[in-house]
C-alpha atoms as a PDB file:
ATOM      1  CA  MET A   1      35.105  60.023  19.241  1.00  0.00           C
ATOM      2  CA  THR A   2      38.630  61.463  19.385  1.00  0.00           C
ATOM      3  CA  GLY A   3      41.045  59.153  21.136  1.00  0.00           C
ATOM      4  CA  LYS A   4      38.662  56.180  21.148  1.00  0.00           C
ATOM      5  CA  LYS A   5      40.228  53.011  19.758  1.00  0.00           C
ATOM      6  CA  VAL A   6      37.754  51.050  17.677  1.00  0.00           C
ATOM      7  CA  MET A   7      40.105  48.175  16.963  1.00  0.00           C
ATOM      8  CA  LYS A   8      43.274  46.795  18.502  1.00  0.00           C
ATOM      9  CA  THR A   9      45.526  43.771  18.373  1.00  0.00           C
ATOM     10  CA  ILE A  10      47.192  42.383  21.504  1.00  0.00           C
ATOM     11  CA  ASN A  11      50.124  40.007  21.013  1.00  0.00           C
ATOM     12  CA  TYR A  12      48.297  38.620  17.972  1.00  0.00           C
ATOM     13  CA  SER A  13      49.968  35.737  16.164  1.00  0.00           C
ATOM     14  CA  LEU A  14      48.639  33.804  13.180  1.00  0.00           C
ATOM     15  CA  PHE A  15      49.694  30.316  12.139  1.00  0.00           C
ATOM     16  CA  TYR A  16      49.083  28.359   8.937  1.00  0.00           C
ATOM     17  CA  GLY A  17      49.915  24.862  10.097  1.00  0.00           C
ATOM     18  CA  ASP A  18      53.440  25.024  11.519  1.00  0.00           C
ATOM     19  CA  PHE A  19      54.205  28.310   9.748  1.00  0.00           C
ATOM     20  CA  LYS A  20      53.916  31.447  11.872  1.00  0.00           C
ATOM     21  CA  ALA A  21      52.707  34.139   9.486  1.00  0.00           C
ATOM     22  CA  LEU A  22      52.335  36.920  12.088  1.00  0.00           C
ATOM     23  CA  ASN A  23      54.356  37.236  15.274  1.00  0.00           C
ATOM     24  CA  SER A  24      52.857  38.906  18.347  1.00  0.00           C
ATOM     25  CA  ILE A  25      51.396  42.031  16.711  1.00  0.00           C
ATOM     26  CA  THR A  26      50.214  44.724  19.141  1.00  0.00           C
ATOM     27  CA  MET A  27      48.744  48.019  17.927  1.00  0.00           C
ATOM     28  CA  ASP A  28      45.768  50.327  18.336  1.00  0.00           C
ATOM     29  CA  ILE A  29      43.875  51.546  15.272  1.00  0.00           C
ATOM     30  CA  PRO A  30      42.283  54.970  15.872  1.00  0.00           C
ATOM     31  CA  VAL A  31      38.667  55.597  14.952  1.00  0.00           C
ATOM     32  CA  ASN A  32      37.796  57.780  11.937  1.00  0.00           C
ATOM     33  CA  ARG A  33      41.320  57.708  10.618  1.00  0.00           C
ATOM     34  CA  ILE A  34      43.047  55.927   7.742  1.00  0.00           C
ATOM     35  CA  THR A  35      45.684  53.422   8.835  1.00  0.00           C
ATOM     36  CA  ALA A  36      48.024  52.084   6.139  1.00  0.00           C
ATOM     37  CA  ILE A  37      49.793  48.737   6.455  1.00  0.00           C
ATOM     38  CA  ILE A  38      53.040  48.703   4.482  1.00  0.00           C
ATOM     39  CA  GLY A  39      55.937  46.302   4.028  1.00  0.00           C
ATOM     40  CA  PRO A  40      57.569  44.082   1.395  1.00  0.00           C
ATOM     41  CA  SER A  41      55.790  41.166  -0.233  1.00  0.00           C
ATOM     42  CA  GLY A  42      55.313  38.201   2.083  1.00  0.00           C
ATOM     43  CA  CYS A  43      55.508  40.150   5.331  1.00  0.00           C
ATOM     44  CA  GLY A  44      51.927  39.342   6.386  1.00  0.00           C
ATOM     45  CA  LYS A  45      50.063  42.530   5.417  1.00  0.00           C
ATOM     46  CA  SER A  46      47.112  40.734   3.843  1.00  0.00           C
ATOM     47  CA  SER A  47      47.095  38.081   6.579  1.00  0.00           C
ATOM     48  CA  LEU A  48      46.793  40.847   9.156  1.00  0.00           C
ATOM     49  CA  ILE A  49      44.044  42.837   7.443  1.00  0.00           C
ATOM     50  CA  ARG A  50      42.049  39.649   6.770  1.00  0.00           C
ATOM     51  CA  SER A  51      42.278  38.775  10.447  1.00  0.00           C
ATOM     52  CA  PHE A  52      40.171  41.788  11.402  1.00  0.00           C
ATOM     53  CA  ASN A  53      37.022  40.247   9.915  1.00  0.00           C
ATOM     54  CA  ARG A  54      38.150  36.620  10.121  1.00  0.00           C
ATOM     55  CA  MET A  55      38.577  36.047   6.403  1.00  0.00           C
ATOM     56  CA  ASN A  56      41.470  33.766   7.356  1.00  0.00           C
ATOM     57  CA  ASP A  57      38.913  31.359   8.847  1.00  0.00           C
ATOM     58  CA  LEU A  58      38.426  30.100   5.291  1.00  0.00           C
ATOM     59  CA  ILE A  59      42.001  28.754   5.225  1.00  0.00           C
ATOM     60  CA  GLY A  60      42.453  25.240   6.568  1.00  0.00           C
ATOM     61  CA  ASN A  61      44.844  24.493   9.439  1.00  0.00           C
ATOM     62  CA  MET A  62      44.764  28.123  10.642  1.00  0.00           C
ATOM     63  CA  ARG A  63      45.075  29.031  14.312  1.00  0.00           C
ATOM     64  CA  THR A  64      45.765  32.158  16.323  1.00  0.00           C
ATOM     65  CA  ASP A  65      47.259  33.333  19.597  1.00  0.00           C
ATOM     66  CA  GLY A  66      46.588  36.638  21.329  1.00  0.00           C
ATOM     67  CA  SER A  67      43.574  38.842  20.620  1.00  0.00           C
ATOM     68  CA  ILE A  68      41.970  41.178  18.138  1.00  0.00           C
ATOM     69  CA  LEU A  69      39.407  43.441  19.786  1.00  0.00           C
ATOM     70  CA  ILE A  70      36.626  45.371  18.064  1.00  0.00           C
ATOM     71  CA  ASP A  71      34.915  47.784  20.465  1.00  0.00           C
ATOM     72  CA  GLY A  72      36.386  45.795  23.341  1.00  0.00           C
ATOM     73  CA  LYS A  73      35.176  42.343  22.172  1.00  0.00           C
ATOM     74  CA  ASP A  74      37.434  39.668  20.739  1.00  0.00           C
ATOM     75  CA  VAL A  75      36.585  38.964  17.088  1.00  0.00           C
ATOM     76  CA  TYR A  76      36.711  35.227  17.740  1.00  0.00           C
ATOM     77  CA  SER A  77      33.936  35.529  20.327  1.00  0.00           C
ATOM     78  CA  GLN A  78      31.618  37.321  17.892  1.00  0.00           C
ATOM     79  CA  ASP A  79      29.174  35.909  15.371  1.00  0.00           C
ATOM     80  CA  VAL A  80      31.104  35.973  12.106  1.00  0.00           C
ATOM     81  CA  VAL A  81      28.158  37.251  10.029  1.00  0.00           C
ATOM     82  CA  GLU A  82      27.620  40.163  12.408  1.00  0.00           C
ATOM     83  CA  LEU A  83      31.379  40.791  12.543  1.00  0.00           C
ATOM     84  CA  ARG A  84      31.583  41.064   8.760  1.00  0.00           C
ATOM     85  CA  ARG A  85      28.655  43.477   8.766  1.00  0.00           C
ATOM     86  CA  LYS A  86      30.586  45.616  11.224  1.00  0.00           C
ATOM     87  CA  VAL A  87      33.909  45.218   9.421  1.00  0.00           C
ATOM     88  CA  GLY A  88      33.530  45.438   5.638  1.00  0.00           C
ATOM     89  CA  MET A  89      36.124  44.320   3.082  1.00  0.00           C
ATOM     90  CA  VAL A  90      37.178  45.675  -0.312  1.00  0.00           C
ATOM     91  CA  PHE A  91      39.565  43.463  -2.248  1.00  0.00           C
ATOM     92  CA  GLN A  92      42.496  44.114  -4.555  1.00  0.00           C
ATOM     93  CA  ARG A  93      40.571  43.539  -7.755  1.00  0.00           C
ATOM     94  CA  PRO A  94      36.997  44.729  -8.218  1.00  0.00           C
ATOM     95  CA  ASN A  95      34.672  41.789  -7.598  1.00  0.00           C
ATOM     96  CA  PRO A  96      31.099  42.865  -8.326  1.00  0.00           C
ATOM     97  CA  PHE A  97      28.500  40.117  -8.294  1.00  0.00           C
ATOM     98  CA  PRO A  98      26.990  39.050 -11.642  1.00  0.00           C
ATOM     99  CA  LYS A  99      23.938  41.152 -10.886  1.00  0.00           C
ATOM    100  CA  SER A 100      22.660  44.627 -11.625  1.00  0.00           C
ATOM    101  CA  ILE A 101      24.262  47.717 -10.119  1.00  0.00           C
ATOM    102  CA  PHE A 102      21.227  48.064  -7.848  1.00  0.00           C
ATOM    103  CA  ASP A 103      21.317  44.436  -6.720  1.00  0.00           C
ATOM    104  CA  ASN A 104      25.017  44.650  -5.908  1.00  0.00           C
ATOM    105  CA  ALA A 105      24.431  47.560  -3.539  1.00  0.00           C
ATOM    106  CA  ALA A 106      21.273  45.956  -2.122  1.00  0.00           C
ATOM    107  CA  TYR A 107      22.877  42.554  -1.539  1.00  0.00           C
ATOM    108  CA  GLY A 108      23.984  43.085   2.074  1.00  0.00           C
ATOM    109  CA  PRO A 109      20.785  44.729   3.304  1.00  0.00           C
ATOM    110  CA  ARG A 110      18.744  41.902   1.746  1.00  0.00           C
ATOM    111  CA  ILE A 111      20.942  39.309   3.490  1.00  0.00           C
ATOM    112  CA  HIS A 112      20.165  41.108   6.753  1.00  0.00           C
ATOM    113  CA  GLY A 113      16.432  40.889   6.152  1.00  0.00           C
ATOM    114  CA  ILE A 114      15.474  44.197   4.535  1.00  0.00           C
ATOM    115  CA  ARG A 115      12.805  43.565   1.894  1.00  0.00           C
ATOM    116  CA  ASP A 116      10.849  46.815   1.664  1.00  0.00           C
ATOM    117  CA  LYS A 117      11.436  48.245  -1.811  1.00  0.00           C
ATOM    118  CA  SER A 118      11.439  51.896  -0.808  1.00  0.00           C
ATOM    119  CA  GLU A 119      13.807  51.230   2.101  1.00  0.00           C
ATOM    120  CA  LEU A 120      16.142  49.267  -0.155  1.00  0.00           C
ATOM    121  CA  ALA A 121      16.067  52.025  -2.772  1.00  0.00           C
ATOM    122  CA  ALA A 122      17.007  54.611  -0.139  1.00  0.00           C
ATOM    123  CA  ILE A 123      19.869  52.470   1.172  1.00  0.00           C
ATOM    124  CA  VAL A 124      21.169  51.817  -2.337  1.00  0.00           C
ATOM    125  CA  GLU A 125      21.121  55.497  -3.255  1.00  0.00           C
ATOM    126  CA  HIS A 126      22.772  56.521   0.008  1.00  0.00           C
ATOM    127  CA  SER A 127      25.565  53.962  -0.254  1.00  0.00           C
ATOM    128  CA  ILE A 128      26.250  54.656  -3.937  1.00  0.00           C
ATOM    129  CA  ARG A 129      26.301  58.391  -3.197  1.00  0.00           C
ATOM    130  CA  ASP A 130      28.747  57.804  -0.338  1.00  0.00           C
ATOM    131  CA  ALA A 131      30.928  55.852  -2.771  1.00  0.00           C
ATOM    132  CA  ALA A 132      30.973  58.883  -5.119  1.00  0.00           C
ATOM    133  CA  LEU A 133      29.340  56.888  -7.921  1.00  0.00           C
ATOM    134  CA  TRP A 134      25.705  58.013  -7.942  1.00  0.00           C
ATOM    135  CA  ASP A 135      25.916  60.687 -10.624  1.00  0.00           C
ATOM    136  CA  GLU A 136      27.588  58.211 -12.984  1.00  0.00           C
ATOM    137  CA  VAL A 137      25.102  55.334 -12.578  1.00  0.00           C
ATOM    138  CA  LYS A 138      21.789  56.749 -11.306  1.00  0.00           C
ATOM    139  CA  ASP A 139      20.102  56.247 -14.689  1.00  0.00           C
ATOM    140  CA  ASP A 140      21.565  52.760 -15.203  1.00  0.00           C
ATOM    141  CA  LEU A 141      20.896  50.963 -11.910  1.00  0.00           C
ATOM    142  CA  GLY A 142      19.277  48.039 -13.732  1.00  0.00           C
ATOM    143  CA  LYS A 143      22.313  47.389 -15.907  1.00  0.00           C
ATOM    144  CA  SER A 144      24.881  44.702 -15.146  1.00  0.00           C
ATOM    145  CA  ALA A 145      27.687  45.774 -12.836  1.00  0.00           C
ATOM    146  CA  PHE A 146      30.074  44.348 -15.445  1.00  0.00           C
ATOM    147  CA  THR A 147      29.217  47.225 -17.801  1.00  0.00           C
ATOM    148  CA  LEU A 148      31.108  49.589 -15.476  1.00  0.00           C
ATOM    149  CA  SER A 149      34.771  50.484 -15.810  1.00  0.00           C
ATOM    150  CA  GLY A 150      37.267  48.956 -13.397  1.00  0.00           C
ATOM    151  CA  GLY A 151      37.347  52.062 -11.224  1.00  0.00           C
ATOM    152  CA  GLN A 152      33.557  52.277 -11.171  1.00  0.00           C
ATOM    153  CA  GLN A 153      33.318  48.592 -10.270  1.00  0.00           C
ATOM    154  CA  GLN A 154      35.664  49.143  -7.329  1.00  0.00           C
ATOM    155  CA  ARG A 155      33.568  52.073  -6.106  1.00  0.00           C
ATOM    156  CA  LEU A 156      30.467  49.889  -6.458  1.00  0.00           C
ATOM    157  CA  CYS A 157      32.186  47.274  -4.285  1.00  0.00           C
ATOM    158  CA  ILE A 158      32.833  50.030  -1.740  1.00  0.00           C
ATOM    159  CA  ALA A 159      29.139  50.999  -1.945  1.00  0.00           C
ATOM    160  CA  ARG A 160      28.217  47.355  -1.363  1.00  0.00           C
ATOM    161  CA  ALA A 161      30.320  47.364   1.797  1.00  0.00           C
ATOM    162  CA  LEU A 162      28.844  50.688   2.968  1.00  0.00           C
ATOM    163  CA  ALA A 163      25.240  49.534   2.486  1.00  0.00           C
ATOM    164  CA  VAL A 164      25.288  47.466   5.702  1.00  0.00           C
ATOM    165  CA  GLU A 165      26.566  50.442   7.737  1.00  0.00           C
ATOM    166  CA  PRO A 166      29.916  49.057   8.923  1.00  0.00           C
ATOM    167  CA  GLU A 167      32.154  50.664  11.521  1.00  0.00           C
ATOM    168  CA  VAL A 168      35.367  49.657   9.758  1.00  0.00           C
ATOM    169  CA  ILE A 169      36.297  49.337   6.077  1.00  0.00           C
ATOM    170  CA  LEU A 170      39.240  47.109   5.195  1.00  0.00           C
ATOM    171  CA  MET A 171      40.908  47.703   1.820  1.00  0.00           C
ATOM    172  CA  ASP A 172      43.501  45.259   0.508  1.00  0.00           C
ATOM    173  CA  GLU A 173      45.397  47.202  -2.174  1.00  0.00           C
ATOM    174  CA  PRO A 174      42.134  48.664  -3.539  1.00  0.00           C
ATOM    175  CA  ALA A 175      43.761  50.657  -6.339  1.00  0.00           C
ATOM    176  CA  SER A 176      46.560  48.337  -7.479  1.00  0.00           C
ATOM    177  CA  ALA A 177      44.563  47.117 -10.498  1.00  0.00           C
ATOM    178  CA  LEU A 178      43.382  50.608 -11.504  1.00  0.00           C
ATOM    179  CA  ASP A 179      44.760  53.339 -13.730  1.00  0.00           C
ATOM    180  CA  PRO A 180      46.052  56.621 -12.204  1.00  0.00           C
ATOM    181  CA  VAL A 181      42.787  58.518 -12.716  1.00  0.00           C
ATOM    182  CA  ALA A 182      40.698  55.781 -11.085  1.00  0.00           C
ATOM    183  CA  THR A 183      43.311  55.470  -8.318  1.00  0.00           C
ATOM    184  CA  LEU A 184      42.990  59.175  -7.539  1.00  0.00           C
ATOM    185  CA  LYS A 185      39.209  58.832  -7.253  1.00  0.00           C
ATOM    186  CA  ILE A 186      39.601  55.950  -4.785  1.00  0.00           C
ATOM    187  CA  GLU A 187      42.086  57.967  -2.716  1.00  0.00           C
ATOM    188  CA  GLU A 188      39.780  61.005  -2.681  1.00  0.00           C
ATOM    189  CA  LEU A 189      36.908  58.747  -1.667  1.00  0.00           C
ATOM    190  CA  MET A 190      38.914  57.267   1.222  1.00  0.00           C
ATOM    191  CA  GLU A 191      39.646  60.750   2.532  1.00  0.00           C
ATOM    192  CA  LYS A 192      35.945  61.593   2.396  1.00  0.00           C
ATOM    193  CA  LEU A 193      34.816  58.341   4.029  1.00  0.00           C
ATOM    194  CA  LYS A 194      37.048  58.579   7.089  1.00  0.00           C
ATOM    195  CA  SER A 195      34.695  61.139   8.634  1.00  0.00           C
ATOM    196  CA  LYS A 196      32.189  58.277   9.009  1.00  0.00           C
ATOM    197  CA  TYR A 197      34.310  55.131   9.039  1.00  0.00           C
ATOM    198  CA  THR A 198      37.588  53.751  10.313  1.00  0.00           C
ATOM    199  CA  ILE A 199      39.672  52.643   7.322  1.00  0.00           C
ATOM    200  CA  VAL A 200      42.556  50.175   7.200  1.00  0.00           C
ATOM    201  CA  VAL A 201      44.347  49.885   3.863  1.00  0.00           C
ATOM    202  CA  VAL A 202      47.139  47.596   2.676  1.00  0.00           C
ATOM    203  CA  THR A 203      49.323  49.229   0.043  1.00  0.00           C
ATOM    204  CA  HIS A 204      52.642  48.567  -1.685  1.00  0.00           C
ATOM    205  CA  ASN A 205      52.691  52.178  -2.856  1.00  0.00           C
ATOM    206  CA  MET A 206      54.723  54.354  -0.473  1.00  0.00           C
ATOM    207  CA  GLN A 207      53.481  57.552  -2.107  1.00  0.00           C
ATOM    208  CA  GLN A 208      49.892  56.404  -1.652  1.00  0.00           C
ATOM    209  CA  ALA A 209      50.466  55.604   2.023  1.00  0.00           C
ATOM    210  CA  ALA A 210      52.029  59.033   2.521  1.00  0.00           C
ATOM    211  CA  ARG A 211      49.169  60.763   0.684  1.00  0.00           C
ATOM    212  CA  VAL A 212      46.116  59.131   2.199  1.00  0.00           C
ATOM    213  CA  SER A 213      46.916  57.671   5.619  1.00  0.00           C
ATOM    214  CA  ASP A 214      46.944  59.257   9.041  1.00  0.00           C
ATOM    215  CA  PHE A 215      48.780  56.350  10.681  1.00  0.00           C
ATOM    216  CA  THR A 216      51.086  53.682   9.263  1.00  0.00           C
ATOM    217  CA  ALA A 217      52.098  50.205  10.402  1.00  0.00           C
ATOM    218  CA  PHE A 218      55.335  48.803   8.938  1.00  0.00           C
ATOM    219  CA  LEU A 219      55.671  45.006   8.849  1.00  0.00           C
ATOM    220  CA  LEU A 220      58.826  43.047   8.109  1.00  0.00           C
ATOM    221  CA  THR A 221      59.703  39.356   8.223  1.00  0.00           C
ATOM    222  CA  ASP A 222      62.301  37.917  10.568  1.00  0.00           C
ATOM    223  CA  LEU A 223      64.687  35.031   9.913  1.00  0.00           C
ATOM    224  CA  GLU A 224      61.780  32.602  10.409  1.00  0.00           C
ATOM    225  CA  ARG A 225      59.746  34.463   7.736  1.00  0.00           C
ATOM    226  CA  SER A 226      57.213  35.565  10.347  1.00  0.00           C
ATOM    227  CA  GLY A 227      55.668  39.015   9.953  1.00  0.00           C
ATOM    228  CA  ASN A 228      56.650  41.424  12.749  1.00  0.00           C
ATOM    229  CA  LEU A 229      55.415  44.925  13.478  1.00  0.00           C
ATOM    230  CA  ILE A 230      58.551  47.076  13.273  1.00  0.00           C
ATOM    231  CA  GLU A 231      56.971  50.475  13.754  1.00  0.00           C
ATOM    232  CA  PHE A 232      53.517  52.040  14.107  1.00  0.00           C
ATOM    233  CA  GLY A 233      52.680  55.711  14.400  1.00  0.00           C
ATOM    234  CA  PRO A 234      51.501  58.897  12.688  1.00  0.00           C
ATOM    235  CA  THR A 235      52.320  58.695   8.989  1.00  0.00           C
ATOM    236  CA  ARG A 236      53.942  62.117   8.764  1.00  0.00           C
ATOM    237  CA  GLU A 237      56.309  61.318  11.610  1.00  0.00           C
ATOM    238  CA  MET A 238      57.159  57.872  10.274  1.00  0.00           C
ATOM    239  CA  PHE A 239      57.914  59.142   6.795  1.00  0.00           C
ATOM    240  CA  THR A 240      60.001  62.100   7.964  1.00  0.00           C
ATOM    241  CA  ASN A 241      61.617  60.789  11.146  1.00  0.00           C
ATOM    242  CA  PRO A 242      61.252  57.013  11.497  1.00  0.00           C
ATOM    243  CA  VAL A 243      62.293  55.490  14.798  1.00  0.00           C
ATOM    244  CA  ASP A 244      63.740  52.283  13.343  1.00  0.00           C
ATOM    245  CA  SER A 245      66.507  52.265  10.717  1.00  0.00           C
ATOM    246  CA  ARG A 246      64.750  49.400   8.916  1.00  0.00           C
ATOM    247  CA  THR A 247      61.699  51.627   8.425  1.00  0.00           C
ATOM    248  CA  GLU A 248      63.885  54.343   6.947  1.00  0.00           C
ATOM    249  CA  ASP A 249      65.579  51.846   4.628  1.00  0.00           C
ATOM    250  CA  TYR A 250      62.231  50.561   3.356  1.00  0.00           C
ATOM    251  CA  ILE A 251      60.579  53.952   2.907  1.00  0.00           C
ATOM    252  CA  SER A 252      63.644  55.303   1.104  1.00  0.00           C
ATOM    253  CA  GLY A 253      63.661  52.322  -1.269  1.00  0.00           C
ATOM    254  CA  ARG A 254      66.875  50.684  -0.074  1.00  0.00           C
ATOM    255  CA  PHE A 255      65.066  47.344   0.016  1.00  0.00           C
ATOM    256  CA  GLY A 256      61.614  45.845  -0.583  1.00  0.00           C
END
């Protein structure tokens, strides 16, 4: 697996009407690593991460140039349901469904046609275990997901994404709404999950990016307010010896 690129962008641009949100982004995202996307508000971080599983399709008047490839196939040539099985998404705020803990984790497998109760139970347990939540909820699987704390709800949402066996997990500021203890659990979970999954995370928190990511992409807007990729590389190198002075200014807190 080492060296294989599971996902890449090639001169990828994203437009909302006449506005160019992303400008010719090219980067490779290594498999089984955590890649952080950083940059000031409005630079296109969320637009970029939502492009990987075509969440931006839901926005009217959207168009793209260039390519995003998953395992060598352009995302816009793939069936969107299958793409979103392959590329799961965890949002900024926990968004469990108004169902039981069990039914939240079983939702994806049921959508994909799994009905056997014993098979579903095994998938649910496996995904909740992988999300480091099993010991806390194993006796309460029939209870509403809304009875969980915010951090537990976010881990349940991660379990829901894991249940369909994705290749990639996208996380858009997954800990920004959580307290420090819950944030630490999410960060520890990300580190554990990267042995099985490729993870891309948007974060405003420089310390978090430095702690959890293996690679970092720094985005910044130009005079036209389009998001540009300024620098991409190993996190340790970027945070200690950035190539671009703008990266150094942002990481050091001079702006943003």
